[in-house]
Amino acid sequence: MEQNRVMRQQIEEELNEVETKPSRRIRVRLLPIWLRLLIVIGLIFIAALSGALLGYSVIGGGHALDVFQKSTWTHIIDIVNKDA
């Protein structure tokens, strides 16, 4: 009888110890950080290209694919540096 009471006390103490310890939740990342950075850089690149295409064709009134020609960018740079 005494052994049962001692064992019951030990079990209750162990349960109390387990309950009082803060449970740390391990976070599993679906995408590694380096892949997230590559995705963000890729999205920035795509946004810049699409912005240049839309800006040059819709706002500027030119052909969309002309934005990739070197002469277009030298003309833009000449306009920007004209006052300098």
C-alpha atoms as a PDB file:
ATOM      1  CA  MET A   1       0.000   0.000   0.000  1.00  0.00           C
ATOM      2  CA  GLU A   2       2.818   2.368   0.935  1.00  0.00           C
ATOM      3  CA  GLN A   3       4.633   1.539  -2.317  1.00  0.00           C
ATOM      4  CA  ASN A   4       1.552   2.430  -4.372  1.00  0.00           C
ATOM      5  CA  ARG A   5       1.264   5.784  -2.623  1.00  0.00           C
ATOM      6  CA  VAL A   6       4.970   6.554  -3.200  1.00  0.00           C
ATOM      7  CA  MET A   7       4.756   5.539  -6.857  1.00  0.00           C
ATOM      8  CA  ARG A   8       1.618   7.620  -7.311  1.00  0.00           C
ATOM      9  CA  GLN A   9       3.395  10.644  -5.823  1.00  0.00           C
ATOM     10  CA  GLN A  10       6.372  10.143  -8.134  1.00  0.00           C
ATOM     11  CA  ILE A  11       4.106   9.904 -11.157  1.00  0.00           C
ATOM     12  CA  GLU A  12       2.215  13.038 -10.117  1.00  0.00           C
ATOM     13  CA  GLU A  13       5.499  14.923  -9.631  1.00  0.00           C
ATOM     14  CA  GLU A  14       6.709  13.874 -13.067  1.00  0.00           C
ATOM     15  CA  LEU A  15       3.430  14.967 -14.609  1.00  0.00           C
ATOM     16  CA  ASN A  16       3.667  18.317 -12.844  1.00  0.00           C
ATOM     17  CA  GLU A  17       7.207  18.803 -14.152  1.00  0.00           C
ATOM     18  CA  VAL A  18       6.108  18.043 -17.687  1.00  0.00           C
ATOM     19  CA  GLU A  19       3.143  20.415 -17.400  1.00  0.00           C
ATOM     20  CA  THR A  20       5.174  23.295 -15.984  1.00  0.00           C
ATOM     21  CA  LYS A  21       7.854  23.228 -18.691  1.00  0.00           C
ATOM     22  CA  PRO A  22       6.966  25.550 -21.559  1.00  0.00           C
ATOM     23  CA  SER A  23       6.458  23.538 -24.685  1.00  0.00           C
ATOM     24  CA  ARG A  24       8.652  24.745 -27.519  1.00  0.00           C
ATOM     25  CA  ARG A  25       7.081  24.380 -30.891  1.00  0.00           C
ATOM     26  CA  ILE A  26       9.487  23.498 -33.646  1.00  0.00           C
ATOM     27  CA  ARG A  27       8.778  25.426 -36.822  1.00  0.00           C
ATOM     28  CA  VAL A  28       9.377  23.630 -40.079  1.00  0.00           C
ATOM     29  CA  ARG A  29       9.922  25.998 -42.971  1.00  0.00           C
ATOM     30  CA  LEU A  30       8.327  24.970 -46.221  1.00  0.00           C
ATOM     31  CA  LEU A  31      10.675  27.172 -48.242  1.00  0.00           C
ATOM     32  CA  PRO A  32      14.255  27.807 -47.154  1.00  0.00           C
ATOM     33  CA  ILE A  33      15.354  31.411 -46.707  1.00  0.00           C
ATOM     34  CA  TRP A  34      17.671  31.353 -49.724  1.00  0.00           C
ATOM     35  CA  LEU A  35      14.777  30.211 -51.924  1.00  0.00           C
ATOM     36  CA  ARG A  36      12.562  32.972 -50.532  1.00  0.00           C
ATOM     37  CA  LEU A  37      15.230  35.529 -51.404  1.00  0.00           C
ATOM     38  CA  LEU A  38      15.509  34.179 -54.949  1.00  0.00           C
ATOM     39  CA  ILE A  39      11.741  34.328 -55.353  1.00  0.00           C
ATOM     40  CA  VAL A  40      11.618  37.934 -54.115  1.00  0.00           C
ATOM     41  CA  ILE A  41      14.481  38.972 -56.411  1.00  0.00           C
ATOM     42  CA  GLY A  42      12.751  37.245 -59.330  1.00  0.00           C
ATOM     43  CA  LEU A  43       9.465  38.975 -58.576  1.00  0.00           C
ATOM     44  CA  ILE A  44      11.221  42.352 -58.405  1.00  0.00           C
ATOM     45  CA  PHE A  45      12.855  41.670 -61.762  1.00  0.00           C
ATOM     46  CA  ILE A  46       9.524  40.655 -63.330  1.00  0.00           C
ATOM     47  CA  ALA A  47       7.818  43.740 -61.875  1.00  0.00           C
ATOM     48  CA  ALA A  48      10.530  46.016 -63.295  1.00  0.00           C
ATOM     49  CA  LEU A  49      10.268  44.460 -66.747  1.00  0.00           C
ATOM     50  CA  SER A  50       6.492  44.557 -66.828  1.00  0.00           C
ATOM     51  CA  GLY A  51       6.516  48.143 -65.551  1.00  0.00           C
ATOM     52  CA  ALA A  52       8.927  49.153 -68.303  1.00  0.00           C
ATOM     53  CA  LEU A  53       6.806  47.395 -70.918  1.00  0.00           C
ATOM     54  CA  LEU A  54       3.550  48.941 -69.752  1.00  0.00           C
ATOM     55  CA  GLY A  55       5.053  52.365 -69.163  1.00  0.00           C
ATOM     56  CA  TYR A  56       6.722  52.556 -72.547  1.00  0.00           C
ATOM     57  CA  SER A  57       3.803  51.152 -74.522  1.00  0.00           C
ATOM     58  CA  VAL A  58       0.776  52.597 -72.694  1.00  0.00           C
ATOM     59  CA  ILE A  59       2.064  55.872 -71.251  1.00  0.00           C
ATOM     60  CA  GLY A  60       4.786  56.507 -73.823  1.00  0.00           C
ATOM     61  CA  GLY A  61       2.798  55.397 -76.848  1.00  0.00           C
ATOM     62  CA  GLY A  62       5.613  53.261 -78.275  1.00  0.00           C
ATOM     63  CA  HIS A  63       5.790  49.597 -79.176  1.00  0.00           C
ATOM     64  CA  ALA A  64       6.091  47.351 -76.131  1.00  0.00           C
ATOM     65  CA  LEU A  65       9.150  45.403 -77.272  1.00  0.00           C
ATOM     66  CA  ASP A  66      11.057  48.550 -78.251  1.00  0.00           C
ATOM     67  CA  VAL A  67      11.800  49.066 -74.561  1.00  0.00           C
ATOM     68  CA  PHE A  68      14.471  46.351 -74.785  1.00  0.00           C
ATOM     69  CA  GLN A  69      16.476  48.066 -77.528  1.00  0.00           C
ATOM     70  CA  LYS A  70      19.698  49.840 -76.611  1.00  0.00           C
ATOM     71  CA  SER A  71      18.814  52.912 -78.641  1.00  0.00           C
ATOM     72  CA  THR A  72      15.712  53.465 -76.525  1.00  0.00           C
ATOM     73  CA  TRP A  73      17.708  53.526 -73.301  1.00  0.00           C
ATOM     74  CA  THR A  74      20.445  55.777 -74.718  1.00  0.00           C
ATOM     75  CA  HIS A  75      17.704  58.188 -75.813  1.00  0.00           C
ATOM     76  CA  ILE A  76      16.153  58.096 -72.313  1.00  0.00           C
ATOM     77  CA  ILE A  77      19.552  58.670 -70.681  1.00  0.00           C
ATOM     78  CA  ASP A  78      20.249  61.564 -73.059  1.00  0.00           C
ATOM     79  CA  ILE A  79      16.933  63.185 -72.107  1.00  0.00           C
ATOM     80  CA  VAL A  80      17.646  62.762 -68.366  1.00  0.00           C
ATOM     81  CA  ASN A  81      21.223  64.099 -68.620  1.00  0.00           C
ATOM     82  CA  LYS A  82      20.286  66.963 -70.960  1.00  0.00           C
ATOM     83  CA  ASP A  83      20.187  69.571 -68.198  1.00  0.00           C
ATOM     84  CA  ALA A  84      23.322  68.335 -66.449  1.00  0.00           C
END
